[in-house]
Amino acid sequence: MKIYTKITSERASKGQGGNDFIDIEVKGEDGENILELNIKPENDQLIISGYVIHQHPQGKRCEQYLRYKVDKTKGKKQKMDL
């Protein structure tokens, strides 16, 4: 399997510095998304949320939601239940 990624920053392309958030999409060789992530700062933490997308053996498309808090000052990862 081949994996393709595309990361773009409109602000960076204009030389305007950083962004308030980052969206990341990872696509499989068929062009379908297999991972979607959103990363944004909140207080002294980074919030990473998104979906892992896969094909169920019975042919159904499945999405698994994930959300993590990363403490920027201490480097701790915490999985959150929503």
Protein backbone atom coordinates (compact mmCIF):
# COMPACT_ATOMS: atom_id res chain seq x y z
CA MET A 1 0.00 0.00 0.00
CA LYS A 2 1.16 3.53 -0.77
CA ILE A 3 0.28 6.43 1.49
CA TYR A 4 -0.05 10.02 0.25
CA THR A 5 -0.14 13.13 2.41
CA LYS A 6 -0.77 16.75 1.72
CA ILE A 7 -0.06 19.43 4.30
CA THR A 8 -0.76 23.01 3.30
CA SER A 9 -0.67 26.29 5.14
CA GLU A 10 -2.29 29.26 3.47
CA ARG A 11 -0.73 31.65 6.00
CA ALA A 12 2.74 30.19 5.54
CA SER A 13 2.45 30.38 1.75
CA LYS A 14 1.76 34.11 2.15
CA GLY A 15 4.63 34.56 4.63
CA GLN A 16 2.22 35.46 7.47
CA GLY A 17 3.54 33.10 10.15
CA GLY A 18 1.78 30.38 12.12
CA ASN A 19 -1.78 29.09 12.13
CA ASP A 20 -4.45 28.82 14.81
CA PHE A 21 -4.93 25.13 13.94
CA ILE A 22 -3.63 22.41 11.62
CA ASP A 23 -5.80 19.98 9.63
CA ILE A 24 -4.11 16.84 8.29
CA GLU A 25 -5.58 14.31 5.85
CA VAL A 26 -3.82 11.05 4.97
CA LYS A 27 -5.07 9.28 1.84
CA GLY A 28 -4.58 5.72 0.64
CA GLU A 29 -3.57 4.85 -2.90
CA ASP A 30 -7.25 4.75 -3.92
CA GLY A 31 -7.56 8.44 -2.95
CA GLU A 32 -9.81 7.74 0.04
CA ASN A 33 -9.01 9.34 3.41
CA ILE A 34 -7.62 6.89 5.96
CA LEU A 35 -6.80 9.44 8.67
CA GLU A 36 -8.14 12.91 9.44
CA LEU A 37 -6.58 14.97 12.25
CA ASN A 38 -7.10 18.44 13.69
CA ILE A 39 -4.45 19.93 15.99
CA LYS A 40 -5.06 23.15 17.92
CA PRO A 41 -3.61 24.83 21.01
CA GLU A 42 -5.87 25.30 24.01
CA ASN A 43 -4.45 26.95 27.16
CA ASP A 44 -1.15 25.11 27.82
CA GLN A 45 -2.16 22.00 25.88
CA LEU A 46 -2.45 20.77 22.33
CA ILE A 47 -5.75 19.10 21.45
CA ILE A 48 -5.40 16.41 18.78
CA SER A 49 -8.65 15.01 17.46
CA GLY A 50 -9.81 13.18 14.37
CA TYR A 51 -10.81 9.91 12.76
CA VAL A 52 -9.04 6.72 11.74
CA ILE A 53 -10.99 5.35 8.78
CA HIS A 54 -10.84 1.74 7.64
CA GLN A 55 -12.80 -0.81 5.68
CA HIS A 56 -14.57 -3.41 7.83
CA PRO A 57 -14.13 -7.03 6.65
CA GLN A 58 -17.86 -7.08 5.79
CA GLY A 59 -17.33 -4.16 3.42
CA LYS A 60 -18.59 -1.33 5.62
CA ARG A 61 -16.58 1.87 6.08
CA CYS A 62 -15.72 2.34 9.76
CA GLU A 63 -14.57 5.51 11.50
CA GLN A 64 -12.92 5.47 14.90
CA TYR A 65 -12.90 8.83 16.69
CA LEU A 66 -9.87 9.80 18.75
CA ARG A 67 -9.05 12.75 20.95
CA TYR A 68 -5.85 13.40 22.90
CA LYS A 69 -4.61 16.19 25.11
CA VAL A 70 -0.87 16.81 25.05
CA ASP A 71 0.50 18.93 27.86
CA LYS A 72 2.94 21.26 26.09
CA THR A 73 4.97 22.03 29.20
CA LYS A 74 5.36 18.52 30.61
CA GLY A 75 5.04 16.38 27.47
CA LYS A 76 2.27 14.18 28.94
CA LYS A 77 -0.27 12.44 26.70
CA GLN A 78 -3.76 11.81 28.01
CA LYS A 79 -6.48 9.96 26.14
CA MET A 80 -9.88 11.51 26.67
CA ASP A 81 -13.24 9.74 26.69
CA LEU A 82 -16.07 11.82 25.28
